[in-house]
Amino acid sequence: MDARALRTVRGRFNVDLHPVLSDDVHAGVCNILSNMLLRYSEDFGGVILSFSNVKVKVHSGALLHHYFPYPRVTAVADLIILKPVEKLQLVATVSKIAPDFVGLLWAGVVNATIPKTHMRADWQYNWSARRWESCEDADQVIVVGTHVLFDVTQYVGNGIGKGNGPPSIQQPARV
């Protein structure tokens, strides 16, 4: 994995703890942070892959929200954020083949897509074999399980709408 796709940041969170989680505040904060893993975060501009060194700032009095009885605490944690940049070359495994795109899985967790319009001109889809083939070299084919080197041309953080899973990457094929 190319390290330029990863960022380490110190994140600060205001966490409203459900009363069920307020017995052990540190465990409650870790529970909430765990629910943020492998999801796109607008605040950090990428997918949170991991967290560590969680510190909960203890307030002298209970801070309750005005509209609901959840105690609010402030926490900081070290985060590893997945945020590929444009022009970055990555290697991914083909997970889906179709006549109009190639679906990839990068780092085992991130979906990437190469639309037909971004494929090199010397690649054509073979309908009978259900695979992409190079017109210049018959031995070069793209099938499920093939490792593909590609350039990131666009990083779409949250897909279409909210909560649609991990980000997608669109790029031209480099096989």
N, C-alpha and C. Protein backbone atom coordinates (compact mmCIF):
# COMPACT_ATOMS: atom_id res chain seq x y z
N MET A 1 0.84 -1.17 0.00
CA MET A 1 0.00 0.00 0.00
C MET A 1 0.89 1.23 0.00
N ASP A 2 0.54 2.21 -0.81
CA ASP A 2 1.30 3.45 -0.89
C ASP A 2 0.98 4.32 0.33
N ALA A 3 2.00 4.68 1.08
CA ALA A 3 1.81 5.45 2.31
C ALA A 3 1.23 6.84 2.04
N ARG A 4 1.35 7.34 0.80
CA ARG A 4 0.79 8.67 0.51
C ARG A 4 -0.73 8.67 0.54
N ALA A 5 -1.35 7.50 0.54
CA ALA A 5 -2.80 7.42 0.62
C ALA A 5 -3.29 7.46 2.07
N LEU A 6 -2.36 7.39 3.02
CA LEU A 6 -2.72 7.37 4.43
C LEU A 6 -2.24 8.63 5.14
N ARG A 7 -3.02 9.09 6.09
CA ARG A 7 -2.67 10.25 6.90
C ARG A 7 -2.84 9.87 8.36
N THR A 8 -1.93 10.31 9.21
CA THR A 8 -2.08 10.15 10.65
C THR A 8 -2.38 11.52 11.22
N VAL A 9 -3.49 11.62 11.94
CA VAL A 9 -3.90 12.90 12.52
C VAL A 9 -4.32 12.69 13.97
N ARG A 10 -4.27 13.76 14.72
CA ARG A 10 -4.79 13.76 16.09
C ARG A 10 -6.18 14.37 16.00
N GLY A 11 -7.20 13.57 16.24
CA GLY A 11 -8.57 14.03 16.10
C GLY A 11 -9.18 14.41 17.43
N ARG A 12 -10.03 15.42 17.40
CA ARG A 12 -10.74 15.88 18.60
C ARG A 12 -12.23 15.67 18.37
N PHE A 13 -12.90 15.08 19.34
CA PHE A 13 -14.31 14.74 19.20
C PHE A 13 -15.10 15.25 20.39
N ASN A 14 -16.28 15.78 20.14
CA ASN A 14 -17.25 16.04 21.18
C ASN A 14 -18.24 14.88 21.10
N VAL A 15 -18.30 14.09 22.15
CA VAL A 15 -19.09 12.87 22.13
C VAL A 15 -20.25 12.99 23.11
N ASP A 16 -21.45 12.75 22.62
CA ASP A 16 -22.63 12.70 23.47
C ASP A 16 -22.87 11.23 23.80
N LEU A 17 -22.63 10.86 25.06
CA LEU A 17 -22.73 9.46 25.47
C LEU A 17 -24.15 9.09 25.86
N HIS A 18 -24.63 8.01 25.32
CA HIS A 18 -25.91 7.47 25.74
C HIS A 18 -25.75 7.05 27.21
N PRO A 19 -26.79 7.21 28.01
CA PRO A 19 -26.67 6.84 29.43
C PRO A 19 -26.16 5.41 29.66
N VAL A 20 -26.46 4.49 28.76
CA VAL A 20 -25.98 3.12 28.89
C VAL A 20 -24.46 3.07 28.84
N LEU A 21 -23.83 3.99 28.10
CA LEU A 21 -22.38 4.01 27.94
C LEU A 21 -21.67 4.89 28.96
N SER A 22 -22.41 5.54 29.84
CA SER A 22 -21.79 6.52 30.73
C SER A 22 -21.16 5.92 31.99
N ASP A 23 -21.37 4.64 32.27
CA ASP A 23 -20.71 4.02 33.43
C ASP A 23 -19.20 4.01 33.26
N ASP A 24 -18.73 3.62 32.09
CA ASP A 24 -17.30 3.61 31.77
C ASP A 24 -17.13 4.54 30.57
N VAL A 25 -16.81 5.80 30.86
CA VAL A 25 -16.76 6.83 29.82
C VAL A 25 -15.74 6.49 28.74
N HIS A 26 -14.56 6.04 29.13
CA HIS A 26 -13.52 5.70 28.15
C HIS A 26 -14.00 4.59 27.21
N ALA A 27 -14.60 3.54 27.77
CA ALA A 27 -15.12 2.45 26.95
C ALA A 27 -16.26 2.94 26.05
N GLY A 28 -17.08 3.84 26.57
CA GLY A 28 -18.17 4.40 25.77
C GLY A 28 -17.66 5.20 24.58
N VAL A 29 -16.61 6.00 24.81
CA VAL A 29 -16.01 6.78 23.72
C VAL A 29 -15.40 5.83 22.70
N CYS A 30 -14.70 4.80 23.15
CA CYS A 30 -14.09 3.83 22.23
C CYS A 30 -15.17 3.10 21.43
N ASN A 31 -16.30 2.82 22.05
CA ASN A 31 -17.41 2.19 21.35
C ASN A 31 -17.91 3.07 20.22
N ILE A 32 -18.06 4.36 20.49
CA ILE A 32 -18.52 5.30 19.46
C ILE A 32 -17.48 5.44 18.35
N LEU A 33 -16.20 5.52 18.72
CA LEU A 33 -15.14 5.60 17.70
C LEU A 33 -15.10 4.33 16.86
N SER A 34 -15.34 3.18 17.46
CA SER A 34 -15.36 1.93 16.70
C SER A 34 -16.45 1.95 15.63
N ASN A 35 -17.56 2.59 15.94
CA ASN A 35 -18.64 2.70 14.95
C ASN A 35 -18.29 3.63 13.80
N MET A 36 -17.25 4.43 13.96
CA MET A 36 -16.82 5.34 12.89
C MET A 36 -15.81 4.70 11.95
N LEU A 37 -15.28 3.52 12.32
CA LEU A 37 -14.27 2.87 11.50
C LEU A 37 -14.85 2.46 10.15
N LEU A 38 -14.02 2.57 9.11
CA LEU A 38 -14.35 2.20 7.74
C LEU A 38 -15.53 2.99 7.19
N ARG A 39 -15.72 4.18 7.71
CA ARG A 39 -16.75 5.09 7.20
C ARG A 39 -16.09 6.40 6.82
N TYR A 40 -16.65 7.03 5.80
CA TYR A 40 -16.13 8.32 5.37
C TYR A 40 -16.45 9.38 6.42
N SER A 41 -15.47 10.20 6.76
CA SER A 41 -15.67 11.30 7.70
C SER A 41 -15.47 12.62 6.97
N GLU A 42 -16.51 13.41 6.93
CA GLU A 42 -16.41 14.73 6.28
C GLU A 42 -15.41 15.60 7.03
N ASP A 43 -15.38 15.47 8.36
CA ASP A 43 -14.47 16.29 9.17
C ASP A 43 -13.00 16.03 8.82
N PHE A 44 -12.66 14.79 8.53
CA PHE A 44 -11.27 14.44 8.24
C PHE A 44 -11.01 14.23 6.75
N GLY A 45 -12.05 14.25 5.93
CA GLY A 45 -11.89 14.14 4.49
C GLY A 45 -11.39 12.79 4.01
N GLY A 46 -11.72 11.74 4.74
CA GLY A 46 -11.30 10.41 4.35
C GLY A 46 -11.98 9.35 5.19
N VAL A 47 -11.55 8.12 5.01
CA VAL A 47 -12.11 6.99 5.73
C VAL A 47 -11.24 6.70 6.95
N ILE A 48 -11.86 6.63 8.12
CA ILE A 48 -11.12 6.34 9.35
C ILE A 48 -10.84 4.84 9.39
N LEU A 49 -9.55 4.48 9.35
CA LEU A 49 -9.15 3.07 9.36
C LEU A 49 -8.88 2.55 10.76
N SER A 50 -8.32 3.41 11.62
CA SER A 50 -8.02 2.95 12.98
C SER A 50 -7.90 4.15 13.91
N PHE A 51 -7.98 3.86 15.21
CA PHE A 51 -7.75 4.89 16.22
C PHE A 51 -6.94 4.28 17.35
N SER A 52 -6.21 5.13 18.06
CA SER A 52 -5.41 4.69 19.20
C SER A 52 -5.19 5.87 20.13
N ASN A 53 -4.61 5.61 21.29
CA ASN A 53 -4.28 6.65 22.28
C ASN A 53 -5.47 7.55 22.58
N VAL A 54 -6.59 6.95 22.89
CA VAL A 54 -7.80 7.71 23.20
C VAL A 54 -7.66 8.33 24.58
N LYS A 55 -7.86 9.63 24.66
CA LYS A 55 -7.84 10.36 25.92
C LYS A 55 -9.17 11.09 26.07
N VAL A 56 -9.79 10.91 27.22
CA VAL A 56 -11.05 11.59 27.50
C VAL A 56 -10.76 12.73 28.45
N LYS A 57 -11.19 13.93 28.06
CA LYS A 57 -11.00 15.09 28.92
C LYS A 57 -12.12 15.11 29.95
N VAL A 58 -11.72 15.07 31.20
CA VAL A 58 -12.69 15.04 32.29
C VAL A 58 -13.05 16.47 32.66
N HIS A 59 -14.33 16.73 32.72
CA HIS A 59 -14.82 18.06 33.11
C HIS A 59 -15.17 18.03 34.61
N SER A 60 -15.08 19.18 35.24
CA SER A 60 -15.36 19.24 36.68
C SER A 60 -16.82 18.98 36.98
N GLY A 61 -17.70 19.29 36.07
CA GLY A 61 -19.13 19.03 36.26
C GLY A 61 -19.67 18.28 35.06
N ALA A 62 -20.82 17.68 35.23
CA ALA A 62 -21.43 16.96 34.12
C ALA A 62 -21.92 17.96 33.08
N LEU A 63 -21.56 17.74 31.84
CA LEU A 63 -22.03 18.59 30.75
C LEU A 63 -23.18 17.87 30.06
N LEU A 64 -24.38 18.38 30.23
CA LEU A 64 -25.54 17.79 29.59
C LEU A 64 -26.01 18.69 28.47
N HIS A 65 -26.43 18.07 27.40
CA HIS A 65 -26.96 18.82 26.27
C HIS A 65 -28.30 19.43 26.68
N HIS A 66 -28.62 20.59 26.13
CA HIS A 66 -29.85 21.29 26.51
C HIS A 66 -31.11 20.53 26.14
N TYR A 67 -31.06 19.72 25.09
CA TYR A 67 -32.29 19.13 24.56
C TYR A 67 -32.44 17.63 24.83
N PHE A 68 -31.39 16.98 25.28
CA PHE A 68 -31.51 15.57 25.62
C PHE A 68 -30.48 15.23 26.69
N PRO A 69 -30.80 14.24 27.52
CA PRO A 69 -29.96 13.97 28.70
C PRO A 69 -28.75 13.09 28.43
N TYR A 70 -27.97 13.43 27.44
CA TYR A 70 -26.74 12.68 27.18
C TYR A 70 -25.57 13.51 27.66
N PRO A 71 -24.73 12.95 28.54
CA PRO A 71 -23.55 13.71 28.96
C PRO A 71 -22.58 13.89 27.79
N ARG A 72 -22.04 15.08 27.66
CA ARG A 72 -21.10 15.38 26.58
C ARG A 72 -19.69 15.39 27.14
N VAL A 73 -18.79 14.66 26.47
CA VAL A 73 -17.38 14.64 26.84
C VAL A 73 -16.56 14.98 25.61
N THR A 74 -15.36 15.45 25.86
CA THR A 74 -14.42 15.74 24.78
C THR A 74 -13.35 14.66 24.80
N ALA A 75 -13.04 14.13 23.63
CA ALA A 75 -12.02 13.09 23.53
C ALA A 75 -11.07 13.43 22.39
N VAL A 76 -9.83 12.98 22.53
CA VAL A 76 -8.85 13.10 21.45
C VAL A 76 -8.28 11.71 21.20
N ALA A 77 -7.93 11.45 19.93
CA ALA A 77 -7.37 10.15 19.57
C ALA A 77 -6.50 10.30 18.34
N ASP A 78 -5.51 9.43 18.22
CA ASP A 78 -4.71 9.36 17.01
C ASP A 78 -5.48 8.52 16.00
N LEU A 79 -5.62 9.05 14.79
CA LEU A 79 -6.40 8.38 13.74
C LEU A 79 -5.53 8.11 12.53
N ILE A 80 -5.77 7.00 11.87
CA ILE A 80 -5.19 6.76 10.55
C ILE A 80 -6.34 6.92 9.56
N ILE A 81 -6.16 7.87 8.64
CA ILE A 81 -7.19 8.22 7.67
C ILE A 81 -6.75 7.78 6.28
N LEU A 82 -7.63 7.13 5.57
CA LEU A 82 -7.39 6.76 4.18
C LEU A 82 -7.91 7.89 3.29
N LYS A 83 -6.99 8.51 2.56
CA LYS A 83 -7.37 9.62 1.69
C LYS A 83 -6.44 9.65 0.48
N PRO A 84 -6.74 8.84 -0.55
CA PRO A 84 -5.89 8.84 -1.74
C PRO A 84 -5.91 10.21 -2.42
N VAL A 85 -4.80 10.59 -2.98
CA VAL A 85 -4.71 11.86 -3.70
C VAL A 85 -4.68 11.58 -5.20
N GLU A 86 -5.09 12.56 -5.99
CA GLU A 86 -5.07 12.40 -7.44
C GLU A 86 -3.65 12.19 -7.93
N LYS A 87 -3.51 11.44 -9.01
CA LYS A 87 -2.25 11.10 -9.67
C LYS A 87 -1.45 10.05 -8.89
N LEU A 88 -2.02 9.52 -7.84
CA LEU A 88 -1.36 8.46 -7.08
C LEU A 88 -1.58 7.14 -7.81
N GLN A 89 -0.54 6.33 -7.94
CA GLN A 89 -0.68 5.01 -8.55
C GLN A 89 -0.86 3.97 -7.46
N LEU A 90 -1.88 3.15 -7.63
CA LEU A 90 -2.20 2.11 -6.66
C LEU A 90 -2.39 0.78 -7.38
N VAL A 91 -2.26 -0.30 -6.64
CA VAL A 91 -2.54 -1.64 -7.17
C VAL A 91 -3.76 -2.17 -6.43
N ALA A 92 -4.73 -2.67 -7.19
CA ALA A 92 -5.95 -3.22 -6.60
C ALA A 92 -6.28 -4.55 -7.27
N THR A 93 -7.15 -5.30 -6.63
CA THR A 93 -7.58 -6.60 -7.15
C THR A 93 -8.95 -6.45 -7.80
N VAL A 94 -9.10 -7.00 -9.00
CA VAL A 94 -10.37 -6.93 -9.71
C VAL A 94 -11.40 -7.77 -8.97
N SER A 95 -12.55 -7.15 -8.65
CA SER A 95 -13.61 -7.84 -7.93
C SER A 95 -14.85 -8.05 -8.78
N LYS A 96 -14.97 -7.29 -9.89
CA LYS A 96 -16.15 -7.41 -10.75
C LYS A 96 -15.78 -6.99 -12.16
N ILE A 97 -16.29 -7.71 -13.14
CA ILE A 97 -16.07 -7.41 -14.55
C ILE A 97 -17.42 -7.14 -15.19
N ALA A 98 -17.51 -6.08 -15.97
CA ALA A 98 -18.72 -5.77 -16.72
C ALA A 98 -18.32 -5.11 -18.03
N PRO A 99 -19.22 -5.06 -19.00
CA PRO A 99 -18.88 -4.45 -20.30
C PRO A 99 -18.58 -2.96 -20.20
N ASP A 100 -19.11 -2.28 -19.18
CA ASP A 100 -18.93 -0.84 -19.09
C ASP A 100 -18.03 -0.38 -17.95
N PHE A 101 -17.47 -1.32 -17.18
CA PHE A 101 -16.55 -0.93 -16.11
C PHE A 101 -15.80 -2.15 -15.58
N VAL A 102 -14.73 -1.86 -14.83
CA VAL A 102 -14.02 -2.88 -14.06
C VAL A 102 -14.09 -2.44 -12.60
N GLY A 103 -14.60 -3.31 -11.75
CA GLY A 103 -14.67 -3.02 -10.32
C GLY A 103 -13.45 -3.57 -9.61
N LEU A 104 -12.90 -2.78 -8.69
CA LEU A 104 -11.67 -3.16 -7.99
C LEU A 104 -11.88 -3.07 -6.48
N LEU A 105 -11.04 -3.78 -5.76
CA LEU A 105 -11.00 -3.67 -4.30
C LEU A 105 -9.56 -3.35 -3.94
N TRP A 106 -9.37 -2.17 -3.34
CA TRP A 106 -8.03 -1.71 -2.98
C TRP A 106 -7.85 -1.83 -1.48
N ALA A 107 -6.73 -2.36 -1.07
CA ALA A 107 -6.38 -2.53 0.35
C ALA A 107 -7.38 -3.42 1.07
N GLY A 108 -8.13 -4.20 0.33
CA GLY A 108 -9.09 -5.11 0.91
C GLY A 108 -10.36 -4.48 1.43
N VAL A 109 -10.49 -3.14 1.36
CA VAL A 109 -11.67 -2.49 1.93
C VAL A 109 -12.27 -1.38 1.08
N VAL A 110 -11.56 -0.87 0.09
CA VAL A 110 -12.02 0.31 -0.64
C VAL A 110 -12.38 -0.06 -2.07
N ASN A 111 -13.61 0.27 -2.47
CA ASN A 111 -14.04 0.03 -3.83
C ASN A 111 -13.46 1.07 -4.76
N ALA A 112 -13.07 0.63 -5.95
CA ALA A 112 -12.59 1.52 -7.00
C ALA A 112 -13.27 1.08 -8.29
N THR A 113 -13.44 2.02 -9.20
CA THR A 113 -14.10 1.72 -10.47
C THR A 113 -13.31 2.32 -11.61
N ILE A 114 -13.13 1.53 -12.67
CA ILE A 114 -12.55 2.04 -13.91
C ILE A 114 -13.67 1.99 -14.94
N PRO A 115 -14.26 3.13 -15.28
CA PRO A 115 -15.31 3.12 -16.30
C PRO A 115 -14.72 2.81 -17.68
N LYS A 116 -15.54 2.28 -18.56
CA LYS A 116 -15.09 1.95 -19.91
C LYS A 116 -14.46 3.16 -20.60
N THR A 117 -15.00 4.33 -20.34
CA THR A 117 -14.49 5.56 -20.97
C THR A 117 -13.07 5.89 -20.53
N HIS A 118 -12.62 5.30 -19.42
CA HIS A 118 -11.27 5.55 -18.92
C HIS A 118 -10.30 4.41 -19.22
N MET A 119 -10.79 3.38 -19.87
CA MET A 119 -9.92 2.26 -20.25
C MET A 119 -9.07 2.67 -21.44
N ARG A 120 -7.85 2.15 -21.51
CA ARG A 120 -7.01 2.42 -22.66
C ARG A 120 -7.68 1.87 -23.92
N ALA A 121 -7.42 2.50 -25.05
CA ALA A 121 -8.07 2.14 -26.32
C ALA A 121 -7.74 0.71 -26.76
N ASP A 122 -6.61 0.16 -26.34
CA ASP A 122 -6.24 -1.18 -26.78
C ASP A 122 -6.90 -2.29 -25.96
N TRP A 123 -7.83 -1.95 -25.09
CA TRP A 123 -8.55 -2.95 -24.31
C TRP A 123 -10.00 -3.02 -24.79
N GLN A 124 -10.50 -4.25 -24.98
CA GLN A 124 -11.88 -4.46 -25.39
C GLN A 124 -12.51 -5.54 -24.53
N TYR A 125 -13.81 -5.41 -24.35
CA TYR A 125 -14.54 -6.42 -23.57
C TYR A 125 -14.90 -7.59 -24.47
N ASN A 126 -14.60 -8.81 -24.03
CA ASN A 126 -14.95 -10.03 -24.75
C ASN A 126 -16.23 -10.57 -24.14
N TRP A 127 -17.34 -10.46 -24.88
CA TRP A 127 -18.64 -10.84 -24.36
C TRP A 127 -18.74 -12.33 -24.07
N SER A 128 -18.18 -13.16 -24.93
CA SER A 128 -18.32 -14.61 -24.72
C SER A 128 -17.48 -15.09 -23.53
N ALA A 129 -16.30 -14.51 -23.34
CA ALA A 129 -15.44 -14.91 -22.22
C ALA A 129 -15.71 -14.09 -20.96
N ARG A 130 -16.48 -13.02 -21.10
CA ARG A 130 -16.79 -12.12 -19.98
C ARG A 130 -15.52 -11.62 -19.29
N ARG A 131 -14.66 -11.02 -20.11
CA ARG A 131 -13.41 -10.48 -19.59
C ARG A 131 -12.93 -9.37 -20.51
N TRP A 132 -12.01 -8.55 -20.00
CA TRP A 132 -11.36 -7.51 -20.80
C TRP A 132 -10.07 -8.09 -21.34
N GLU A 133 -9.80 -7.82 -22.63
CA GLU A 133 -8.61 -8.36 -23.29
C GLU A 133 -7.85 -7.25 -23.99
N SER A 134 -6.54 -7.38 -24.00
CA SER A 134 -5.69 -6.44 -24.73
C SER A 134 -5.68 -6.83 -26.20
N CYS A 135 -5.90 -5.86 -27.07
CA CYS A 135 -5.85 -6.10 -28.52
C CYS A 135 -4.41 -6.29 -28.98
N GLU A 136 -3.46 -5.76 -28.24
CA GLU A 136 -2.05 -5.83 -28.63
C GLU A 136 -1.35 -7.09 -28.13
N ASP A 137 -1.81 -7.64 -27.00
CA ASP A 137 -1.17 -8.81 -26.42
C ASP A 137 -2.26 -9.75 -25.91
N ALA A 138 -2.49 -10.84 -26.62
CA ALA A 138 -3.58 -11.77 -26.29
C ALA A 138 -3.41 -12.41 -24.91
N ASP A 139 -2.20 -12.41 -24.38
CA ASP A 139 -1.96 -13.00 -23.07
C ASP A 139 -2.39 -12.09 -21.92
N GLN A 140 -2.62 -10.83 -22.22
CA GLN A 140 -3.03 -9.89 -21.17
C GLN A 140 -4.56 -9.82 -21.12
N VAL A 141 -5.11 -10.26 -20.00
CA VAL A 141 -6.56 -10.23 -19.80
C VAL A 141 -6.85 -9.71 -18.39
N ILE A 142 -8.03 -9.15 -18.25
CA ILE A 142 -8.48 -8.71 -16.93
C ILE A 142 -9.68 -9.57 -16.57
N VAL A 143 -9.53 -10.35 -15.49
CA VAL A 143 -10.59 -11.19 -14.96
C VAL A 143 -10.65 -10.96 -13.45
N VAL A 144 -11.68 -11.49 -12.81
CA VAL A 144 -11.78 -11.37 -11.36
C VAL A 144 -10.53 -12.00 -10.73
N GLY A 145 -9.88 -11.27 -9.85
CA GLY A 145 -8.67 -11.72 -9.19
C GLY A 145 -7.39 -11.13 -9.76
N THR A 146 -7.48 -10.50 -10.95
CA THR A 146 -6.31 -9.86 -11.55
C THR A 146 -5.89 -8.65 -10.72
N HIS A 147 -4.58 -8.44 -10.58
CA HIS A 147 -4.07 -7.25 -9.91
C HIS A 147 -3.83 -6.19 -10.98
N VAL A 148 -4.36 -4.98 -10.75
CA VAL A 148 -4.31 -3.91 -11.74
C VAL A 148 -3.63 -2.69 -11.13
N LEU A 149 -2.68 -2.12 -11.86
CA LEU A 149 -2.05 -0.85 -11.48
C LEU A 149 -2.87 0.26 -12.12
N PHE A 150 -3.28 1.24 -11.33
CA PHE A 150 -4.11 2.32 -11.87
C PHE A 150 -3.72 3.66 -11.26
N ASP A 151 -4.10 4.72 -11.95
CA ASP A 151 -3.88 6.09 -11.47
C ASP A 151 -5.18 6.62 -10.89
N VAL A 152 -5.11 7.23 -9.73
CA VAL A 152 -6.29 7.87 -9.15
C VAL A 152 -6.51 9.18 -9.89
N THR A 153 -7.69 9.35 -10.47
CA THR A 153 -8.01 10.62 -11.13
C THR A 153 -9.09 11.38 -10.39
N GLN A 154 -9.84 10.68 -9.54
CA GLN A 154 -10.89 11.34 -8.77
C GLN A 154 -11.15 10.52 -7.52
N TYR A 155 -11.33 11.21 -6.40
CA TYR A 155 -11.65 10.55 -5.14
C TYR A 155 -13.02 11.05 -4.72
N VAL A 156 -13.99 10.16 -4.68
CA VAL A 156 -15.35 10.53 -4.31
C VAL A 156 -15.55 10.03 -2.88
N GLY A 157 -15.59 10.98 -1.96
CA GLY A 157 -15.59 10.62 -0.56
C GLY A 157 -16.74 9.78 -0.08
N ASN A 158 -17.96 10.15 -0.35
CA ASN A 158 -19.08 9.46 0.26
C ASN A 158 -20.05 8.90 -0.76
N GLY A 159 -19.64 8.74 -1.98
CA GLY A 159 -20.54 8.20 -2.99
C GLY A 159 -21.71 9.12 -3.23
N ILE A 160 -22.84 8.56 -3.59
CA ILE A 160 -24.04 9.35 -3.83
C ILE A 160 -24.89 9.26 -2.58
N GLY A 161 -25.16 10.40 -1.97
CA GLY A 161 -25.94 10.42 -0.75
C GLY A 161 -25.11 10.05 0.46
N LYS A 162 -25.71 10.06 1.60
CA LYS A 162 -25.02 9.77 2.85
C LYS A 162 -25.12 8.28 3.18
N GLY A 163 -24.07 7.76 3.78
CA GLY A 163 -24.10 6.39 4.28
C GLY A 163 -24.08 5.31 3.22
N ASN A 164 -23.50 5.59 2.05
CA ASN A 164 -23.46 4.58 1.00
C ASN A 164 -22.21 3.73 1.04
N GLY A 165 -21.54 3.66 2.16
CA GLY A 165 -20.38 2.79 2.26
C GLY A 165 -19.08 3.49 1.96
N PRO A 166 -18.04 2.71 1.68
CA PRO A 166 -16.71 3.28 1.49
C PRO A 166 -16.60 4.11 0.22
N PRO A 167 -15.59 4.93 0.15
CA PRO A 167 -15.44 5.78 -1.01
C PRO A 167 -15.10 4.99 -2.26
N SER A 168 -15.29 5.62 -3.44
CA SER A 168 -14.89 4.98 -4.67
C SER A 168 -13.82 5.82 -5.33
N ILE A 169 -13.02 5.20 -6.16
CA ILE A 169 -11.95 5.88 -6.87
C ILE A 169 -12.16 5.60 -8.34
N GLN A 170 -12.14 6.64 -9.17
CA GLN A 170 -12.28 6.43 -10.60
C GLN A 170 -10.96 6.78 -11.26
N GLN A 171 -10.52 5.97 -12.19
CA GLN A 171 -9.21 6.15 -12.77
C GLN A 171 -9.09 5.43 -14.11
N PRO A 172 -8.12 5.84 -14.95
CA PRO A 172 -7.86 5.11 -16.18
C PRO A 172 -7.10 3.82 -15.89
N ALA A 173 -7.30 2.83 -16.72
CA ALA A 173 -6.62 1.55 -16.51
C ALA A 173 -5.16 1.65 -16.88
N ARG A 174 -4.31 1.04 -16.09
CA ARG A 174 -2.89 0.91 -16.39
C ARG A 174 -2.54 -0.55 -16.12
N VAL A 175 -2.56 -1.36 -17.12
CA VAL A 175 -2.31 -2.78 -16.91
C VAL A 175 -0.93 -3.14 -17.41
